[in-house]
Amino acid sequence: MRMNTFVGSVMIVRRWVCFCFIFFCPILFAQDQGSTVPQHSKSVVISISGQISKNLLTTITQSTSQVFGDPIPAGLIVMLDSPGGDAEAAMKIGRLLRKTKAHVFVTGQCASACIFVLAGGVVRGAPGLSVGIHRGRITISDANAKVLGDVDVNQSPEARKFLNRYEYAAEVYFSEMGMSPALFEAMQAHQQKGVYRLSTKEIISFGLSGIEPAYLDQRALRYEKLEKPQKMNSAELLRRTMKVASYCAKFDRKPTEFLACYKEVLIDGLLN
């Protein structure tokens, strides 16, 4: 058996299996004349399904090295369907995605440590009730990562110190990513087993769905130079982009289908 730190279902011991599929899809959007990105540059689409681990971090690091520039609609798109995993790895992945200007969308669920990955996107989208949070805890699991029981941190000074370090790191990380302080407070408030599912309103207010302001301004300048129907200002770009999670995030979406749907939503401003 192993003692693990869970960050709302997030495990620090790396025994979970995660499937990560990487696709390189041609971008068919017209580019503005001032862009240095070729008209048919490729978008990297990463589909993460399963637990988050250090092995996944290695894969993501290798994959993001294939991202060149930030073409329209995105240089890197990440599809998330994960119940959690290694919190430390998740934060490192999140920082890597932020550096790569990733557009991150929940296509299944995103619970526990997965929210660190979601928070890393410069563009973030998640349907209501797809995001689950709870306070970090220490658990015992077997070699197959099956949870056998919790560790009472009040009875273990070592476990308490470990949990305190995690909680401090999580709060710093969310601040770094521009999330609302209320997100960490909500995590800390949910101490029961299982996860608390966030409503659409909570996902937006906590910052887990949205576009980083500076990035939005930068992207809007490019879209304003395009021809209709791609031409739009920052408010319209935000409105259309925020439809992607609910309109395109289907469990059975393949990465190529998701990319096509993303482009369709951006082009067609009349989609509900």
Foldseek 3Di string as FASTA:
>chain_A
DDKFKFQQNATQDALKDKDKDKDWAWDQDAFFPPDPDDNGGTAIEIEIAEEDHVVVLVVLVVSLVPFDDATPPGNYEYEDHYQHYNLVSLLSLLCVQLVSQYAYAYLAAQEGSSLSNLLSHLAAEAAFQRYWAAHMFMFDADSNRHTDGGDDCVVPVVRVVVSVVVLVVVQVSLVVSVFDSVVSVVRHVHHDRDTDTGGPVRCVNRPSHFHNVVVLQVVQVGQCSDDPPSRDHSVLQGVLSRCLRVQQRHPPDDRVNSVVSSVVSNRDSPDD
